[in-house]
């Protein structure tokens, strides 16, 4: 520990990151191994045969025709607003 304390900061950071990468690789290896073991226990063919997708029917809903709507060039947001007075 005394040797680590006497090292410069950049070497301490390199050692820290190296240890973190090695531990990450070890944990990743065991995670992948455990996931592969869990997936190998599943029997996908048997489980896929038991899946039943429900049949649904969508009713036809007719869309009514819209009447012709006249659009005015009135810039006011409310229809009952009075038009501006031109002097």
N, C-alpha and C. Protein backbone atom coordinates (compact mmCIF):
# COMPACT_ATOMS: atom_id res chain seq x y z
N UNK A 1 0.82 -1.20 0.00
CA UNK A 1 0.00 0.00 0.00
C UNK A 1 0.86 1.26 0.00
N UNK A 2 1.98 1.20 0.67
CA UNK A 2 2.84 2.37 0.71
C UNK A 2 3.37 2.70 -0.68
N UNK A 3 3.65 1.65 -1.47
CA UNK A 3 4.14 1.88 -2.83
C UNK A 3 3.07 2.60 -3.66
N UNK A 4 1.78 2.19 -3.48
CA UNK A 4 0.69 2.83 -4.23
C UNK A 4 0.52 4.28 -3.83
N UNK A 5 0.69 4.58 -2.57
CA UNK A 5 0.51 5.96 -2.10
C UNK A 5 1.59 6.88 -2.67
N UNK A 6 2.77 6.33 -2.91
CA UNK A 6 3.88 7.15 -3.39
C UNK A 6 3.89 7.31 -4.91
N UNK A 7 3.01 6.61 -5.63
CA UNK A 7 2.98 6.72 -7.09
C UNK A 7 2.34 8.03 -7.51
N UNK A 8 2.69 8.52 -8.70
CA UNK A 8 2.03 9.73 -9.20
C UNK A 8 0.56 9.45 -9.54
N UNK A 9 -0.23 10.54 -9.64
CA UNK A 9 -1.68 10.42 -9.85
C UNK A 9 -2.02 9.67 -11.14
N UNK A 10 -1.33 9.97 -12.23
CA UNK A 10 -1.69 9.32 -13.49
C UNK A 10 -1.44 7.80 -13.45
N UNK A 11 -0.43 7.35 -12.76
CA UNK A 11 -0.18 5.91 -12.63
C UNK A 11 -1.24 5.26 -11.73
N UNK A 12 -1.68 5.99 -10.71
CA UNK A 12 -2.75 5.46 -9.86
C UNK A 12 -4.03 5.28 -10.66
N UNK A 13 -4.33 6.25 -11.54
CA UNK A 13 -5.53 6.15 -12.37
C UNK A 13 -5.43 4.99 -13.35
N UNK A 14 -4.25 4.77 -13.91
CA UNK A 14 -4.07 3.64 -14.84
C UNK A 14 -4.29 2.32 -14.12
N UNK A 15 -3.77 2.20 -12.92
CA UNK A 15 -3.94 0.97 -12.14
C UNK A 15 -5.42 0.78 -11.78
N UNK A 16 -6.08 1.86 -11.38
CA UNK A 16 -7.50 1.77 -11.04
C UNK A 16 -8.33 1.32 -12.23
N UNK A 17 -8.11 1.92 -13.40
CA UNK A 17 -8.88 1.53 -14.59
C UNK A 17 -8.55 0.10 -15.03
N UNK A 18 -7.31 -0.32 -14.90
CA UNK A 18 -6.94 -1.69 -15.26
C UNK A 18 -7.67 -2.70 -14.36
N UNK A 19 -7.72 -2.40 -13.08
CA UNK A 19 -8.42 -3.29 -12.14
C UNK A 19 -9.92 -3.29 -12.46
N UNK A 20 -10.49 -2.13 -12.76
CA UNK A 20 -11.91 -2.05 -13.09
C UNK A 20 -12.23 -2.83 -14.36
N UNK A 21 -11.37 -2.74 -15.37
CA UNK A 21 -11.60 -3.47 -16.62
C UNK A 21 -11.50 -4.97 -16.40
N UNK A 22 -10.52 -5.42 -15.65
CA UNK A 22 -10.36 -6.84 -15.38
C UNK A 22 -11.57 -7.37 -14.61
N UNK A 23 -12.01 -6.66 -13.58
CA UNK A 23 -13.18 -7.09 -12.81
C UNK A 23 -14.43 -7.08 -13.69
N UNK A 24 -14.57 -6.08 -14.56
CA UNK A 24 -15.71 -6.03 -15.46
C UNK A 24 -15.72 -7.20 -16.42
N UNK A 25 -14.58 -7.57 -16.95
CA UNK A 25 -14.50 -8.72 -17.85
C UNK A 25 -14.83 -10.02 -17.13
N UNK A 26 -14.37 -10.16 -15.91
CA UNK A 26 -14.68 -11.37 -15.14
C UNK A 26 -16.17 -11.45 -14.86
N UNK A 27 -16.77 -10.35 -14.41
CA UNK A 27 -18.21 -10.36 -14.13
C UNK A 27 -19.02 -10.57 -15.41
N UNK A 28 -18.58 -9.97 -16.51
CA UNK A 28 -19.26 -10.17 -17.79
C UNK A 28 -19.20 -11.60 -18.25
N UNK A 29 -18.07 -12.27 -18.04
CA UNK A 29 -17.94 -13.67 -18.42
C UNK A 29 -18.94 -14.53 -17.65
N UNK A 30 -19.02 -14.32 -16.34
CA UNK A 30 -19.96 -15.12 -15.55
C UNK A 30 -21.41 -14.78 -15.88
N UNK A 31 -21.70 -13.52 -16.21
CA UNK A 31 -23.06 -13.14 -16.60
C UNK A 31 -23.46 -13.84 -17.89
N UNK A 32 -22.58 -13.82 -18.89
CA UNK A 32 -22.88 -14.48 -20.16
C UNK A 32 -23.02 -15.98 -19.96
N UNK A 33 -22.16 -16.57 -19.14
CA UNK A 33 -22.22 -18.01 -18.88
C UNK A 33 -23.54 -18.37 -18.19
N UNK A 34 -23.96 -17.57 -17.22
CA UNK A 34 -25.22 -17.82 -16.52
C UNK A 34 -26.43 -17.64 -17.43
N UNK A 35 -26.38 -16.62 -18.29
CA UNK A 35 -27.49 -16.39 -19.23
C UNK A 35 -27.58 -17.54 -20.23
N UNK A 36 -26.45 -17.99 -20.72
CA UNK A 36 -26.46 -19.11 -21.66
C UNK A 36 -26.99 -20.38 -20.99
N UNK A 37 -26.63 -20.59 -19.74
CA UNK A 37 -27.11 -21.75 -19.00
C UNK A 37 -28.63 -21.68 -18.80
N UNK A 38 -29.14 -20.49 -18.48
CA UNK A 38 -30.59 -20.32 -18.28
C UNK A 38 -31.34 -20.51 -19.59
N UNK A 39 -30.81 -19.98 -20.68
CA UNK A 39 -31.48 -20.12 -21.96
C UNK A 39 -31.44 -21.55 -22.48
N UNK A 40 -30.39 -22.29 -22.14
CA UNK A 40 -30.32 -23.67 -22.62
C UNK A 40 -31.33 -24.56 -21.90
N UNK A 41 -31.78 -24.15 -20.72
CA UNK A 41 -32.77 -24.94 -19.99
C UNK A 41 -34.17 -24.79 -20.58
N UNK A 42 -34.41 -23.72 -21.33
CA UNK A 42 -35.72 -23.52 -21.93
C UNK A 42 -35.89 -24.43 -23.14
N UNK A 43 -37.06 -25.04 -23.23
CA UNK A 43 -37.37 -25.84 -24.38
C UNK A 43 -38.31 -25.01 -25.24
N UNK A 44 -37.75 -24.30 -26.22
CA UNK A 44 -38.52 -23.34 -26.99
C UNK A 44 -39.58 -24.00 -27.87
N UNK A 45 -39.29 -25.18 -28.42
CA UNK A 45 -40.28 -25.82 -29.29
C UNK A 45 -41.55 -26.16 -28.52
N UNK A 46 -41.39 -26.68 -27.32
CA UNK A 46 -42.56 -27.05 -26.53
C UNK A 46 -43.34 -25.82 -26.10
N UNK A 47 -42.64 -24.75 -25.74
CA UNK A 47 -43.32 -23.53 -25.30
C UNK A 47 -43.99 -22.82 -26.47
N UNK A 48 -43.41 -22.87 -27.63
CA UNK A 48 -44.00 -22.19 -28.79
C UNK A 48 -45.27 -22.90 -29.26
N UNK A 49 -45.38 -24.20 -29.03
CA UNK A 49 -46.57 -24.93 -29.44
C UNK A 49 -47.77 -24.57 -28.57
N UNK A 50 -47.54 -24.15 -27.36
CA UNK A 50 -48.63 -23.86 -26.43
C UNK A 50 -49.16 -22.43 -26.56
N UNK A 51 -48.56 -21.62 -27.41
CA UNK A 51 -49.00 -20.24 -27.55
C UNK A 51 -50.24 -20.20 -28.43
N UNK A 52 -51.29 -19.55 -27.92
CA UNK A 52 -52.51 -19.38 -28.70
C UNK A 52 -52.77 -17.89 -28.86
N UNK A 53 -52.85 -17.45 -30.10
CA UNK A 53 -53.11 -16.05 -30.39
C UNK A 53 -54.62 -15.90 -30.56
N UNK A 54 -55.26 -15.04 -29.80
CA UNK A 54 -56.71 -14.89 -29.90
C UNK A 54 -57.10 -14.27 -31.24
N UNK A 55 -58.21 -14.74 -31.78
CA UNK A 55 -58.74 -14.19 -33.03
C UNK A 55 -59.69 -13.05 -32.70
N UNK A 56 -59.49 -11.94 -33.34
CA UNK A 56 -60.36 -10.79 -33.12
C UNK A 56 -60.90 -10.31 -34.45
N UNK A 57 -62.03 -9.68 -34.40
CA UNK A 57 -62.58 -9.08 -35.61
C UNK A 57 -62.83 -7.60 -35.34
N UNK A 58 -62.46 -6.79 -36.30
CA UNK A 58 -62.65 -5.36 -36.16
C UNK A 58 -63.91 -4.98 -36.92
N UNK A 59 -64.87 -4.38 -36.25
CA UNK A 59 -66.12 -4.03 -36.94
C UNK A 59 -65.89 -2.88 -37.92
N UNK A 60 -66.68 -2.87 -38.98
CA UNK A 60 -66.61 -1.80 -39.96
C UNK A 60 -67.43 -0.62 -39.46
N UNK A 61 -66.82 0.52 -39.38
CA UNK A 61 -67.50 1.73 -38.94
C UNK A 61 -67.45 2.72 -40.10
N UNK A 62 -68.60 3.00 -40.71
CA UNK A 62 -68.58 3.93 -41.84
C UNK A 62 -68.29 5.36 -41.38
N UNK A 63 -67.55 6.06 -42.18
CA UNK A 63 -67.22 7.45 -41.86
C UNK A 63 -68.19 8.33 -42.65
N UNK A 64 -68.96 9.17 -41.96
CA UNK A 64 -69.93 10.01 -42.67
C UNK A 64 -69.23 11.09 -43.49
N UNK A 65 -69.88 11.48 -44.58
CA UNK A 65 -69.34 12.56 -45.39
C UNK A 65 -69.50 13.87 -44.64
N UNK A 66 -68.49 14.71 -44.73
CA UNK A 66 -68.55 16.02 -44.08
C UNK A 66 -69.22 17.00 -45.02
N UNK A 67 -70.06 17.87 -44.50
CA UNK A 67 -70.70 18.87 -45.37
C UNK A 67 -69.67 19.90 -45.81
N UNK A 68 -69.98 20.58 -46.88
CA UNK A 68 -69.07 21.63 -47.35
C UNK A 68 -69.03 22.73 -46.31
N UNK A 69 -67.84 23.07 -45.89
CA UNK A 69 -67.66 24.10 -44.87
C UNK A 69 -66.97 25.29 -45.52
N UNK A 70 -67.58 26.47 -45.36
CA UNK A 70 -66.97 27.67 -45.91
C UNK A 70 -65.97 28.21 -44.90
N UNK A 71 -64.80 28.48 -45.40
CA UNK A 71 -63.74 29.01 -44.56
C UNK A 71 -63.53 30.46 -44.96
N UNK A 72 -63.63 31.36 -44.00
CA UNK A 72 -63.46 32.78 -44.29
C UNK A 72 -62.02 33.19 -44.00
N UNK A 73 -61.66 34.33 -44.47
CA UNK A 73 -60.32 34.86 -44.23
C UNK A 73 -60.29 35.71 -42.97
N UNK A 74 -61.20 35.47 -42.06
CA UNK A 74 -61.27 36.24 -40.84
C UNK A 74 -60.11 35.81 -39.92
N UNK A 75 -59.20 36.71 -39.59
CA UNK A 75 -58.06 36.33 -38.76
C UNK A 75 -58.39 36.22 -37.27
N UNK A 76 -59.57 36.61 -36.87
CA UNK A 76 -59.89 36.58 -35.45
C UNK A 76 -60.17 35.15 -35.00
N UNK A 77 -59.78 34.79 -33.79
CA UNK A 77 -59.95 33.42 -33.32
C UNK A 77 -61.40 33.07 -32.98
N UNK A 78 -62.23 34.06 -32.70
CA UNK A 78 -63.61 33.76 -32.33
C UNK A 78 -64.54 34.19 -33.45
N UNK A 79 -65.57 33.44 -33.75
CA UNK A 79 -66.45 33.78 -34.87
C UNK A 79 -67.33 34.98 -34.60
N UNK A 80 -67.57 35.34 -33.34
CA UNK A 80 -68.47 36.46 -33.05
C UNK A 80 -67.71 37.77 -32.83
N UNK A 81 -66.44 37.80 -33.15
CA UNK A 81 -65.66 39.03 -32.98
C UNK A 81 -66.06 40.03 -34.05
N UNK A 82 -66.04 41.29 -33.68
CA UNK A 82 -66.42 42.32 -34.63
C UNK A 82 -65.23 42.62 -35.54
N UNK A 83 -65.51 42.90 -36.82
CA UNK A 83 -64.40 43.19 -37.72
C UNK A 83 -63.78 44.56 -37.40
N UNK A 84 -62.54 44.76 -37.74
CA UNK A 84 -61.90 46.05 -37.45
C UNK A 84 -62.54 47.16 -38.28
N UNK A 85 -62.55 48.35 -37.74
CA UNK A 85 -63.15 49.50 -38.40
C UNK A 85 -62.06 50.23 -39.18
N UNK A 86 -62.29 50.39 -40.48
CA UNK A 86 -61.33 51.10 -41.31
C UNK A 86 -61.74 52.57 -41.40
N UNK A 87 -60.86 53.48 -41.05
CA UNK A 87 -61.17 54.91 -41.11
C UNK A 87 -60.42 55.57 -42.21
